[in-house]
C-alpha atoms as a PDB file:
ATOM      1  CA  MET A   1     115.555  95.296 106.748  1.00  0.00           C
ATOM      2  CA  THR A   2     118.964  95.498 106.597  1.00  0.00           C
ATOM      3  CA  THR A   3     119.966  97.608 103.393  1.00  0.00           C
ATOM      4  CA  TYR A   4     122.587  96.200 101.198  1.00  0.00           C
ATOM      5  CA  LEU A   5     124.911  99.061 100.001  1.00  0.00           C
ATOM      6  CA  ASP A   6     128.835  98.970  99.675  1.00  0.00           C
ATOM      7  CA  ASP A   7     130.564 101.848  99.888  1.00  0.00           C
ATOM      8  CA  GLN A   8     130.504 103.045  96.185  1.00  0.00           C
ATOM      9  CA  GLN A   9     126.369 102.548  95.991  1.00  0.00           C
ATOM     10  CA  ARG A  10     126.559 104.943  99.574  1.00  0.00           C
ATOM     11  CA  MET A  11     128.236 107.815  97.834  1.00  0.00           C
ATOM     12  CA  GLU A  12     126.206 107.318  94.667  1.00  0.00           C
ATOM     13  CA  LEU A  13     123.030 107.784  96.635  1.00  0.00           C
ATOM     14  CA  ALA A  14     124.531 110.393  98.925  1.00  0.00           C
ATOM     15  CA  GLN A  15     125.514 112.554  95.640  1.00  0.00           C
ATOM     16  CA  ALA A  16     122.000 111.989  94.242  1.00  0.00           C
ATOM     17  CA  ALA A  17     120.625 112.925  98.006  1.00  0.00           C
ATOM     18  CA  ARG A  18     122.236 116.067  97.512  1.00  0.00           C
ATOM     19  CA  HIS A  19     120.384 117.453  94.044  1.00  0.00           C
ATOM     20  CA  TRP A  20     118.365 120.150  94.782  1.00  0.00           C
ATOM     21  CA  LEU A  21     115.573 118.531  93.035  1.00  0.00           C
ATOM     22  CA  TRP A  22     115.789 115.694  95.505  1.00  0.00           C
ATOM     23  CA  ARG A  23     116.414 118.024  98.864  1.00  0.00           C
ATOM     24  CA  ALA A  24     113.032 120.215  97.638  1.00  0.00           C
ATOM     25  CA  GLU A  25     111.087 117.183  96.948  1.00  0.00           C
ATOM     26  CA  LEU A  26     109.281 119.144  94.355  1.00  0.00           C
ATOM     27  CA  PRO A  27     108.277 116.000  92.420  1.00  0.00           C
ATOM     28  CA  THR A  28     106.273 114.867  95.586  1.00  0.00           C
ATOM     29  CA  TRP A  29     104.962 118.657  96.561  1.00  0.00           C
ATOM     30  CA  MET A  30     103.561 118.650  92.663  1.00  0.00           C
ATOM     31  CA  LEU A  31     102.456 115.071  93.353  1.00  0.00           C
ATOM     32  CA  VAL A  32     100.129 116.444  96.545  1.00  0.00           C
ATOM     33  CA  VAL A  33      98.560 119.739  94.573  1.00  0.00           C
ATOM     34  CA  ALA A  34      98.138 117.134  91.225  1.00  0.00           C
ATOM     35  CA  VAL A  35      96.526 114.516  93.994  1.00  0.00           C
ATOM     36  CA  TYR A  36      94.509 116.853  95.976  1.00  0.00           C
ATOM     37  CA  GLY A  37      93.230 118.883  92.637  1.00  0.00           C
ATOM     38  CA  SER A  38      92.353 115.609  90.488  1.00  0.00           C
ATOM     39  CA  TRP A  39      90.532 114.829  92.913  1.00  0.00           C
ATOM     40  CA  PHE A  40      88.219 117.541  94.130  1.00  0.00           C
ATOM     41  CA  GLY A  41      88.320 118.718  90.614  1.00  0.00           C
ATOM     42  CA  VAL A  42      86.497 115.573  89.460  1.00  0.00           C
ATOM     43  CA  ALA A  43      84.284 115.439  92.594  1.00  0.00           C
ATOM     44  CA  THR A  44      83.563 119.280  92.102  1.00  0.00           C
ATOM     45  CA  TYR A  45      82.341 118.377  88.213  1.00  0.00           C
ATOM     46  CA  ALA A  46      80.836 115.111  88.776  1.00  0.00           C
ATOM     47  CA  ARG A  47      77.528 116.262  87.671  1.00  0.00           C
ATOM     48  CA  GLN A  48      78.272 117.507  84.580  1.00  0.00           C
ATOM     49  CA  LEU A  49      81.054 114.540  83.894  1.00  0.00           C
ATOM     50  CA  GLY A  50      77.765 111.885  84.563  1.00  0.00           C
ATOM     51  CA  LEU A  51      78.162 110.120  87.835  1.00  0.00           C
ATOM     52  CA  PRO A  52      79.433 106.906  86.032  1.00  0.00           C
ATOM     53  CA  LEU A  53      82.543 108.443  84.621  1.00  0.00           C
ATOM     54  CA  ALA A  54      82.790 110.210  87.619  1.00  0.00           C
ATOM     55  CA  CYS A  55      82.858 107.269  89.902  1.00  0.00           C
ATOM     56  CA  VAL A  56      85.900 105.367  87.733  1.00  0.00           C
ATOM     57  CA  LEU A  57      87.820 108.401  87.744  1.00  0.00           C
ATOM     58  CA  LEU A  58      87.322 109.181  91.560  1.00  0.00           C
ATOM     59  CA  THR A  59      88.545 105.705  92.143  1.00  0.00           C
ATOM     60  CA  LEU A  60      91.885 106.295  90.227  1.00  0.00           C
ATOM     61  CA  CYS A  61      92.239 109.915  92.128  1.00  0.00           C
ATOM     62  CA  THR A  62      91.508 108.063  95.616  1.00  0.00           C
ATOM     63  CA  THR A  63      93.803 104.991  94.729  1.00  0.00           C
ATOM     64  CA  TRP A  64      96.453 107.840  93.826  1.00  0.00           C
ATOM     65  CA  TYR A  65      95.814 109.554  97.264  1.00  0.00           C
ATOM     66  CA  LEU A  66      96.293 106.482  98.947  1.00  0.00           C
ATOM     67  CA  SER A  67     100.014 105.921  97.047  1.00  0.00           C
ATOM     68  CA  LEU A  68     100.705 109.262  98.427  1.00  0.00           C
ATOM     69  CA  GLN A  69      99.506 108.641 102.266  1.00  0.00           C
ATOM     70  CA  HIS A  70     102.032 105.979 101.965  1.00  0.00           C
ATOM     71  CA  GLU A  71     104.568 108.540 100.535  1.00  0.00           C
ATOM     72  CA  LEU A  72     103.945 111.218 103.178  1.00  0.00           C
ATOM     73  CA  LEU A  73     104.601 108.164 106.430  1.00  0.00           C
ATOM     74  CA  HIS A  74     107.876 107.399 105.188  1.00  0.00           C
ATOM     75  CA  GLY A  75     108.792 111.044 105.644  1.00  0.00           C
ATOM     76  CA  HIS A  76     108.157 112.643 102.291  1.00  0.00           C
ATOM     77  CA  PRO A  77     107.818 115.384 101.183  1.00  0.00           C
ATOM     78  CA  THR A  78     108.767 117.171 104.631  1.00  0.00           C
ATOM     79  CA  ARG A  79     110.707 115.360 107.473  1.00  0.00           C
ATOM     80  CA  LEU A  80     108.192 116.749 109.945  1.00  0.00           C
ATOM     81  CA  PRO A  81     105.682 113.969 110.777  1.00  0.00           C
ATOM     82  CA  TRP A  82     102.981 116.374 111.573  1.00  0.00           C
ATOM     83  CA  LEU A  83     102.728 118.313 108.454  1.00  0.00           C
ATOM     84  CA  ASN A  84     102.714 114.879 106.384  1.00  0.00           C
ATOM     85  CA  THR A  85     100.141 113.802 108.345  1.00  0.00           C
ATOM     86  CA  LEU A  86      98.548 117.106 108.158  1.00  0.00           C
ATOM     87  CA  LEU A  87      98.807 116.476 103.856  1.00  0.00           C
ATOM     88  CA  GLY A  88      97.483 112.874 104.605  1.00  0.00           C
ATOM     89  CA  ALA A  89      94.308 113.366 107.004  1.00  0.00           C
ATOM     90  CA  ALA A  90      91.846 113.897 104.621  1.00  0.00           C
ATOM     91  CA  PRO A  91      89.703 110.950 104.337  1.00  0.00           C
ATOM     92  CA  LEU A  92      89.562 110.529 101.028  1.00  0.00           C
ATOM     93  CA  GLY A  93      90.791 106.907 101.695  1.00  0.00           C
ATOM     94  CA  VAL A  94      87.285 106.390 103.570  1.00  0.00           C
ATOM     95  CA  TRP A  95      88.081 103.282 105.343  1.00  0.00           C
ATOM     96  CA  LEU A  96      91.340 104.018 107.519  1.00  0.00           C
ATOM     97  CA  PRO A  97      92.422 106.972 109.197  1.00  0.00           C
ATOM     98  CA  TYR A  98      96.318 108.253 108.319  1.00  0.00           C
ATOM     99  CA  ALA A  99      97.543 107.469 111.624  1.00  0.00           C
ATOM    100  CA  LEU A 100      97.048 104.074 112.069  1.00  0.00           C
ATOM    101  CA  TYR A 101      97.706 103.287 108.379  1.00  0.00           C
ATOM    102  CA  ARG A 102     101.443 104.949 109.198  1.00  0.00           C
ATOM    103  CA  ARG A 103     101.463 102.783 112.024  1.00  0.00           C
ATOM    104  CA  ALA A 104     100.339  99.558 110.643  1.00  0.00           C
ATOM    105  CA  HIS A 105     102.457 100.135 107.886  1.00  0.00           C
ATOM    106  CA  LEU A 106     105.369 101.180 109.808  1.00  0.00           C
ATOM    107  CA  GLN A 107     105.111  97.706 111.664  1.00  0.00           C
ATOM    108  CA  HIS A 108     104.977  95.757 108.250  1.00  0.00           C
ATOM    109  CA  HIS A 109     108.411  97.387 107.648  1.00  0.00           C
ATOM    110  CA  GLU A 110     110.266  96.385 111.407  1.00  0.00           C
ATOM    111  CA  ALA A 111     108.780  92.727 111.385  1.00  0.00           C
ATOM    112  CA  GLU A 112     109.896  89.836 109.413  1.00  0.00           C
ATOM    113  CA  LEU A 113     108.175  89.896 105.884  1.00  0.00           C
ATOM    114  CA  THR A 114     105.104  87.497 105.494  1.00  0.00           C
ATOM    115  CA  HIS A 115     105.134  86.369 109.379  1.00  0.00           C
ATOM    116  CA  PRO A 116     101.578  85.775 109.887  1.00  0.00           C
ATOM    117  CA  HIS A 117     101.803  86.991 113.327  1.00  0.00           C
ATOM    118  CA  THR A 118     104.056  90.036 112.987  1.00  0.00           C
ATOM    119  CA  ASP A 119     103.663  91.262 109.600  1.00  0.00           C
ATOM    120  CA  PRO A 120     100.451  93.259 109.591  1.00  0.00           C
ATOM    121  CA  GLU A 121     100.145  93.233 105.557  1.00  0.00           C
ATOM    122  CA  SER A 122     101.028  89.162 105.296  1.00  0.00           C
ATOM    123  CA  TYR A 123      98.098  86.984 103.091  1.00  0.00           C
ATOM    124  CA  PHE A 124      99.185  84.130 105.131  1.00  0.00           C
ATOM    125  CA  LEU A 125      98.065  82.078 108.452  1.00  0.00           C
ATOM    126  CA  ASP A 126      99.364  79.706 110.959  1.00  0.00           C
ATOM    127  CA  ALA A 127      98.153  75.843 110.048  1.00  0.00           C
ATOM    128  CA  GLY A 128      96.065  76.777 113.766  1.00  0.00           C
ATOM    129  CA  ALA A 129      93.967  79.404 112.696  1.00  0.00           C
ATOM    130  CA  TRP A 130      93.663  77.820 109.135  1.00  0.00           C
ATOM    131  CA  GLN A 131      92.261  74.510 110.610  1.00  0.00           C
ATOM    132  CA  ALA A 132      90.226  76.629 112.926  1.00  0.00           C
ATOM    133  CA  LYS A 133      88.209  78.790 109.778  1.00  0.00           C
ATOM    134  CA  PRO A 134      85.051  76.964 108.618  1.00  0.00           C
ATOM    135  CA  ARG A 135      85.280  75.345 105.397  1.00  0.00           C
ATOM    136  CA  VAL A 136      83.313  77.735 103.296  1.00  0.00           C
ATOM    137  CA  LEU A 137      85.983  80.489 104.755  1.00  0.00           C
ATOM    138  CA  ARG A 138      88.667  78.210 104.022  1.00  0.00           C
ATOM    139  CA  ARG A 139      87.532  78.471 100.068  1.00  0.00           C
ATOM    140  CA  ILE A 140      87.130  82.567 100.718  1.00  0.00           C
ATOM    141  CA  TYR A 141      90.814  82.939 101.488  1.00  0.00           C
ATOM    142  CA  ALA A 142      92.168  80.664  98.862  1.00  0.00           C
ATOM    143  CA  ALA A 143      90.272  82.463  96.287  1.00  0.00           C
ATOM    144  CA  ARG A 144      91.469  85.586  98.013  1.00  0.00           C
ATOM    145  CA  ASN A 145      95.035  84.286  96.369  1.00  0.00           C
ATOM    146  CA  THR A 146      94.027  84.131  92.527  1.00  0.00           C
ATOM    147  CA  MET A 147      94.272  87.835  91.551  1.00  0.00           C
ATOM    148  CA  ALA A 148      90.190  87.693  91.072  1.00  0.00           C
ATOM    149  CA  GLY A 149      89.692  87.293  94.204  1.00  0.00           C
ATOM    150  CA  ARG A 150      92.111  89.752  95.234  1.00  0.00           C
ATOM    151  CA  ILE A 151      90.403  92.484  93.420  1.00  0.00           C
ATOM    152  CA  LEU A 152      86.960  91.333  94.521  1.00  0.00           C
ATOM    153  CA  LEU A 153      87.652  90.215  98.060  1.00  0.00           C
ATOM    154  CA  GLN A 154      90.426  91.789  99.747  1.00  0.00           C
ATOM    155  CA  PRO A 155      88.684  94.927  99.934  1.00  0.00           C
ATOM    156  CA  ALA A 156      85.771  93.303 102.510  1.00  0.00           C
ATOM    157  CA  PHE A 157      88.536  91.888 104.228  1.00  0.00           C
ATOM    158  CA  ALA A 158      90.557  94.737 104.764  1.00  0.00           C
ATOM    159  CA  ILE A 159      87.365  96.573 105.917  1.00  0.00           C
ATOM    160  CA  ALA A 160      86.288  93.734 107.948  1.00  0.00           C
ATOM    161  CA  SER A 161      89.657  93.529 109.595  1.00  0.00           C
ATOM    162  CA  ILE A 162      89.651  97.293 110.164  1.00  0.00           C
ATOM    163  CA  VAL A 163      86.609  97.547 112.323  1.00  0.00           C
ATOM    164  CA  GLY A 164      87.367  93.995 114.057  1.00  0.00           C
ATOM    165  CA  ASP A 165      90.609  95.969 115.346  1.00  0.00           C
ATOM    166  CA  ALA A 166      88.986  99.222 116.327  1.00  0.00           C
ATOM    167  CA  LEU A 167      86.054  97.020 118.372  1.00  0.00           C
ATOM    168  CA  LEU A 168      88.592  94.199 119.685  1.00  0.00           C
ATOM    169  CA  ARG A 169      90.846  97.411 121.493  1.00  0.00           C
ATOM    170  CA  LEU A 170      87.872  98.992 122.587  1.00  0.00           C
ATOM    171  CA  ARG A 171      86.344  95.597 124.334  1.00  0.00           C
ATOM    172  CA  LEU A 172      89.921  95.362 125.603  1.00  0.00           C
ATOM    173  CA  GLY A 173      89.809  98.930 127.239  1.00  0.00           C
ATOM    174  CA  ASP A 174      92.236 100.641 124.911  1.00  0.00           C
ATOM    175  CA  TRP A 175      90.717 103.839 124.051  1.00  0.00           C
ATOM    176  CA  ARG A 176      93.982 105.228 122.408  1.00  0.00           C
ATOM    177  CA  ASP A 177      93.176 105.629 118.673  1.00  0.00           C
ATOM    178  CA  LEU A 178      89.069 106.697 120.122  1.00  0.00           C
ATOM    179  CA  PRO A 179      90.212 110.502 119.376  1.00  0.00           C
ATOM    180  CA  VAL A 180      91.663 109.609 115.703  1.00  0.00           C
ATOM    181  CA  TRP A 181      88.901 107.870 114.805  1.00  0.00           C
ATOM    182  CA  VAL A 182      86.553 110.196 115.779  1.00  0.00           C
ATOM    183  CA  ALA A 183      88.448 113.295 113.919  1.00  0.00           C
ATOM    184  CA  HIS A 184      88.410 110.536 111.536  1.00  0.00           C
ATOM    185  CA  LEU A 185      84.690 110.346 110.963  1.00  0.00           C
ATOM    186  CA  ALA A 186      83.640 113.945 111.746  1.00  0.00           C
ATOM    187  CA  ALA A 187      85.678 114.737 108.976  1.00  0.00           C
ATOM    188  CA  LEU A 188      84.346 111.836 106.625  1.00  0.00           C
ATOM    189  CA  THR A 189      80.610 112.673 107.620  1.00  0.00           C
ATOM    190  CA  VAL A 190      81.302 116.329 106.068  1.00  0.00           C
ATOM    191  CA  LEU A 191      82.906 115.249 102.907  1.00  0.00           C
ATOM    192  CA  LEU A 192      80.069 112.648 102.482  1.00  0.00           C
ATOM    193  CA  ALA A 193      77.681 115.350 103.147  1.00  0.00           C
ATOM    194  CA  TRP A 194      79.334 117.714 100.522  1.00  0.00           C
ATOM    195  CA  LEU A 195      79.599 114.991  97.985  1.00  0.00           C
ATOM    196  CA  GLN A 196      76.111 114.714  98.091  1.00  0.00           C
ATOM    197  CA  ARG A 197      74.896 118.414  98.600  1.00  0.00           C
ATOM    198  CA  GLU A 198      77.031 120.122  96.213  1.00  0.00           C
ATOM    199  CA  CYS A 199      78.049 117.295  93.982  1.00  0.00           C
ATOM    200  CA  GLY A 200      75.424 115.167  93.481  1.00  0.00           C
ATOM    201  CA  MET A 201      76.894 111.848  94.503  1.00  0.00           C
ATOM    202  CA  PRO A 202      75.363 110.119  97.276  1.00  0.00           C
ATOM    203  CA  ALA A 203      77.146 108.762 100.251  1.00  0.00           C
ATOM    204  CA  TRP A 204      76.330 105.118  99.616  1.00  0.00           C
ATOM    205  CA  LEU A 205      77.823 105.391  95.571  1.00  0.00           C
ATOM    206  CA  MET A 206      81.048 107.198  97.264  1.00  0.00           C
ATOM    207  CA  LEU A 207      81.730 104.415  99.265  1.00  0.00           C
ATOM    208  CA  ALA A 208      80.297 101.304  96.859  1.00  0.00           C
ATOM    209  CA  GLY A 209      81.142 102.977  93.688  1.00  0.00           C
ATOM    210  CA  VAL A 210      84.552 104.847  94.566  1.00  0.00           C
ATOM    211  CA  ALA A 211      86.384 103.589  98.089  1.00  0.00           C
ATOM    212  CA  TYR A 212      85.788 100.224  97.995  1.00  0.00           C
ATOM    213  CA  PRO A 213      87.034  99.872  94.085  1.00  0.00           C
ATOM    214  CA  ALA A 214      90.033 102.109  94.989  1.00  0.00           C
ATOM    215  CA  LEU A 215      91.172  99.386  97.781  1.00  0.00           C
ATOM    216  CA  SER A 216      90.452  96.641  94.585  1.00  0.00           C
ATOM    217  CA  LEU A 217      92.924  98.527  92.427  1.00  0.00           C
ATOM    218  CA  ALA A 218      95.672  99.102  95.393  1.00  0.00           C
ATOM    219  CA  ALA A 219      95.379  95.660  96.116  1.00  0.00           C
ATOM    220  CA  ILE A 220      96.410  94.690  92.476  1.00  0.00           C
ATOM    221  CA  ARG A 221      99.954  96.444  93.471  1.00  0.00           C
ATOM    222  CA  SER A 222     100.229  94.177  96.472  1.00  0.00           C
ATOM    223  CA  PHE A 223      99.475  90.914  94.514  1.00  0.00           C
ATOM    224  CA  GLN A 224     102.429  88.628  95.578  1.00  0.00           C
ATOM    225  CA  GLU A 225     104.398  91.518  96.547  1.00  0.00           C
ATOM    226  CA  HIS A 226     106.029  89.112  99.253  1.00  0.00           C
ATOM    227  CA  ARG A 227     106.438  86.081  99.122  1.00  0.00           C
ATOM    228  CA  ALA A 228     107.458  83.292 102.127  1.00  0.00           C
ATOM    229  CA  SER A 229     111.185  82.485 101.262  1.00  0.00           C
ATOM    230  CA  GLU A 230     114.383  81.451 103.570  1.00  0.00           C
ATOM    231  CA  ALA A 231     116.198  84.631 102.980  1.00  0.00           C
ATOM    232  CA  GLU A 232     114.107  88.046 103.952  1.00  0.00           C
ATOM    233  CA  VAL A 233     116.076  90.114 101.060  1.00  0.00           C
ATOM    234  CA  SER A 234     114.692  87.821  98.484  1.00  0.00           C
ATOM    235  CA  ARG A 235     110.496  87.870  99.646  1.00  0.00           C
ATOM    236  CA  SER A 236     110.273  91.516  97.625  1.00  0.00           C
ATOM    237  CA  VAL A 237     109.423  91.805  94.350  1.00  0.00           C
ATOM    238  CA  ILE A 238     110.801  93.578  90.920  1.00  0.00           C
ATOM    239  CA  ASN A 239     107.814  94.394  88.921  1.00  0.00           C
ATOM    240  CA  GLU A 240     108.735  95.972  85.977  1.00  0.00           C
ATOM    241  CA  ALA A 241     105.122  97.590  85.189  1.00  0.00           C
ATOM    242  CA  GLY A 242     103.744 100.261  82.788  1.00  0.00           C
ATOM    243  CA  LEU A 243     104.313 103.888  83.202  1.00  0.00           C
ATOM    244  CA  GLY A 244     100.726 104.228  83.880  1.00  0.00           C
ATOM    245  CA  TRP A 245     100.533 101.678  86.892  1.00  0.00           C
ATOM    246  CA  ARG A 246     104.707 103.491  88.045  1.00  0.00           C
ATOM    247  CA  LEU A 247     102.595 106.301  88.493  1.00  0.00           C
ATOM    248  CA  LEU A 248      99.387 105.285  89.898  1.00  0.00           C
ATOM    249  CA  PHE A 249     101.598 103.190  92.465  1.00  0.00           C
ATOM    250  CA  LEU A 250     104.480 106.127  92.681  1.00  0.00           C
ATOM    251  CA  ASN A 251     107.195 103.448  91.554  1.00  0.00           C
ATOM    252  CA  ASN A 252     106.360 101.000  94.930  1.00  0.00           C
ATOM    253  CA  ASN A 253     106.410  98.228  91.870  1.00  0.00           C
ATOM    254  CA  TYR A 254     110.314  98.345  92.862  1.00  0.00           C
ATOM    255  CA  HIS A 255     109.314  96.605  96.109  1.00  0.00           C
ATOM    256  CA  LEU A 256     112.232  95.288  96.808  1.00  0.00           C
ATOM    257  CA  VAL A 257     114.073  98.765  96.292  1.00  0.00           C
ATOM    258  CA  HIS A 258     111.510 100.144  98.606  1.00  0.00           C
ATOM    259  CA  HIS A 259     112.370  98.003 101.407  1.00  0.00           C
ATOM    260  CA  ASP A 260     115.373  97.818 101.145  1.00  0.00           C
ATOM    261  CA  LEU A 261     115.545 101.812 101.317  1.00  0.00           C
ATOM    262  CA  PRO A 262     112.268 103.265 102.215  1.00  0.00           C
ATOM    263  CA  GLY A 263     113.690 106.447 102.510  1.00  0.00           C
ATOM    264  CA  VAL A 264     114.288 107.071  99.121  1.00  0.00           C
ATOM    265  CA  PRO A 265     111.509 109.509  97.635  1.00  0.00           C
ATOM    266  CA  TRP A 266     109.172 107.394  94.942  1.00  0.00           C
ATOM    267  CA  PHE A 267     110.328 109.670  91.846  1.00  0.00           C
ATOM    268  CA  ALA A 268     113.645 108.533  92.723  1.00  0.00           C
ATOM    269  CA  LEU A 269     113.427 104.731  93.636  1.00  0.00           C
ATOM    270  CA  ALA A 270     113.470 103.338  89.326  1.00  0.00           C
ATOM    271  CA  TRP A 271     116.967 105.413  88.975  1.00  0.00           C
ATOM    272  CA  VAL A 272     118.228 103.414  92.051  1.00  0.00           C
ATOM    273  CA  TYR A 273     116.844  99.985  90.419  1.00  0.00           C
ATOM    274  CA  ARG A 274     118.413 101.121  87.310  1.00  0.00           C
ATOM    275  CA  GLN A 275     122.195 101.696  88.555  1.00  0.00           C
ATOM    276  CA  ARG A 276     121.801  98.132  90.128  1.00  0.00           C
ATOM    277  CA  VAL A 277     119.490  95.868  88.106  1.00  0.00           C
ATOM    278  CA  HIS A 278     121.093  92.765  88.126  1.00  0.00           C
ATOM    279  CA  ASP A 279     122.171  93.334  91.874  1.00  0.00           C
ATOM    280  CA  TYR A 280     118.518  93.445  93.082  1.00  0.00           C
ATOM    281  CA  LEU A 281     117.886  90.576  90.879  1.00  0.00           C
ATOM    282  CA  ALA A 282     120.565  88.316  92.500  1.00  0.00           C
ATOM    283  CA  ARG A 283     120.081  89.551  95.538  1.00  0.00           C
ATOM    284  CA  ASN A 284     116.400  88.540  95.256  1.00  0.00           C
ATOM    285  CA  ASP A 285     116.703  85.343  93.919  1.00  0.00           C
ATOM    286  CA  GLY A 286     114.982  86.509  90.529  1.00  0.00           C
ATOM    287  CA  PHE A 287     111.875  87.401  91.928  1.00  0.00           C
ATOM    288  CA  PHE A 288     110.814  89.397  89.126  1.00  0.00           C
ATOM    289  CA  VAL A 289     107.305  89.877  86.845  1.00  0.00           C
ATOM    290  CA  GLN A 290     107.079  91.641  84.114  1.00  0.00           C
ATOM    291  CA  GLY A 291     104.532  94.167  84.775  1.00  0.00           C
ATOM    292  CA  TYR A 292     100.864  93.381  86.022  1.00  0.00           C
ATOM    293  CA  ARG A 293      99.094  91.746  83.264  1.00  0.00           C
ATOM    294  CA  GLU A 294     101.847  88.635  84.059  1.00  0.00           C
ATOM    295  CA  TRP A 295      99.969  88.364  87.366  1.00  0.00           C
ATOM    296  CA  LEU A 296      96.492  88.873  85.586  1.00  0.00           C
ATOM    297  CA  VAL A 297      97.383  86.271  82.882  1.00  0.00           C
ATOM    298  CA  ARG A 298      99.247  83.552  85.204  1.00  0.00           C
ATOM    299  CA  TYR A 299      96.630  83.955  88.646  1.00  0.00           C
ATOM    300  CA  ALA A 300      93.634  85.405  87.530  1.00  0.00           C
ATOM    301  CA  TRP A 301      92.128  82.069  88.589  1.00  0.00           C
ATOM    302  CA  ARG A 302      94.613  80.117  90.090  1.00  0.00           C
ATOM    303  CA  THR A 303      96.256  80.800  93.247  1.00  0.00           C
ATOM    304  CA  VAL A 304      99.438  82.274  93.846  1.00  0.00           C
ATOM    305  CA  ALA A 305     100.759  81.230  97.280  1.00  0.00           C
ATOM    306  CA  PRO A 306      98.706  78.710  99.825  1.00  0.00           C
ATOM    307  CA  VAL A 307      97.201  80.487 102.639  1.00  0.00           C
ATOM    308  CA  VAL A 308      98.908  78.210 105.490  1.00  0.00           C
ATOM    309  CA  HIS A 309     102.659  80.077 105.731  1.00  0.00           C
ATOM    310  CA  PRO A 310     105.302  77.190 104.737  1.00  0.00           C
ATOM    311  CA  ARG A 311     106.879  78.297 107.713  1.00  0.00           C
ATOM    312  CA  PHE A 312     103.960  77.839 110.207  1.00  0.00           C
ATOM    313  CA  GLY A 313     102.007  74.776 108.864  1.00  0.00           C
ATOM    314  CA  GLY A 314     103.965  71.807 109.434  1.00  0.00           C
ATOM    315  CA  THR A 315     102.461  68.911 107.284  1.00  0.00           C
ATOM    316  CA  LEU A 316      99.338  70.469 106.496  1.00  0.00           C
ATOM    317  CA  ALA A 317     101.607  73.640 104.638  1.00  0.00           C
ATOM    318  CA  CYS A 318     103.249  70.745 102.588  1.00  0.00           C
ATOM    319  CA  ARG A 319      99.857  68.813 101.713  1.00  0.00           C
ATOM    320  CA  ILE A 320      98.909  72.459 100.297  1.00  0.00           C
ATOM    321  CA  GLU A 321     101.943  72.420  98.369  1.00  0.00           C
ATOM    322  CA  ALA A 322     101.607  69.181  96.822  1.00  0.00           C
ATOM    323  CA  SER A 323      98.170  70.164  95.846  1.00  0.00           C
ATOM    324  CA  GLY A 324      99.267  72.615  93.358  1.00  0.00           C
ATOM    325  CA  HIS A 325      97.949  75.466  95.121  1.00  0.00           C
ATOM    326  CA  HIS A 326     100.963  77.331  95.559  1.00  0.00           C
ATOM    327  CA  GLY A 327     102.246  79.223  92.820  1.00  0.00           C
ATOM    328  CA  GLU A 328     105.648  80.645  92.894  1.00  0.00           C
ATOM    329  CA  ALA A 329     105.529  81.496  97.092  1.00  0.00           C
END
C-alpha cells in the first residue's frame, strides 16, 4: 500500500522514531516477557486455578500471543528476522507455524486488499467459486459474515484452510514447508505432553477449550477489518476500541494506520492516529466504528458483507446486494 505522508508528517514520524523508547522497543520487549510469563504462569497453576478458569485465561493469553506474533513478523522488536522468528516460534497458537503465518500475512500486505484470489485474508469469493459451492455450504459462508458466525465458524474455516493448503502442496510435490511443519508439530507434541503431565490439562482440552476459542477472539478483531471499496485506502477500518481490546490486539484496531505504516510498532499506532485523526477519516471515507460492541450489536445475526466480491460477481453480486445481505461493504 502507498504511504500517504506529506513532508511535515514524515518529519514528525522520523523525530518520534528517534526517541529512545521507540528505538529500543522497550514496550515490545516487555510485551514478550508479559505474554510468555502470563501464558506459562497460568498453565503452571492450572490445577490450582481449576481447568475452566485456566482455559479462559489461557484463551486470552493465546490470543495475546497471536497478536505478538503479528508484531514480530512486522520487524519488532528487532530488525533480525531470525531472532523474531525465535521469539514467535513457540506453538502456543497451535494451528499454524509462525513462518507460514509470516509468509501469508506479508502477502496480505502486498496484495490488493479483499481480492478473492490474491489476498490470503480475504473473506470474499468470486462468482464462479460461489456458484460451485453446494447450497448448504453457501449458507455457512453467509453465516460466517455475521459476528456470531465469525466467532463460531471462522476458526473451523481457518483450520480447514491450513490443513488443505498443506496437503495440496504435498500432492503437488512442493515439500518446502515440510521441515517447518515437522518442527512445529514436534514442539506442539512436547507442549501438549507437558500440559497433560505437569499441568493436568488434557490435549483435547487445550485444542478445543483454548486454541479454538483463541481463534474466535482473533476473529472479532478481523471482522470487517477490510471492506470492498473502489479506493484501496478506504478499505481499512479505524476502530475506536476500548483499552482492553486495544491491549489484546496491540492497537491493530487502528487498521488503516497499520496498513499505511506497517513498520510502526504497536505502541505508537494510537499516537500516529491521534496526530492526524481527520486526515485518516477523510482518506478512508469515514470507515469508522466506535468499538467492537458496535459490530456485535449491528451484525450479531446480520451479514456485514456479501460473500461474493462486488467486483468479481457480475449480476450475481448485484442480486446479493439487492437482497440486503451486504452491510457496509
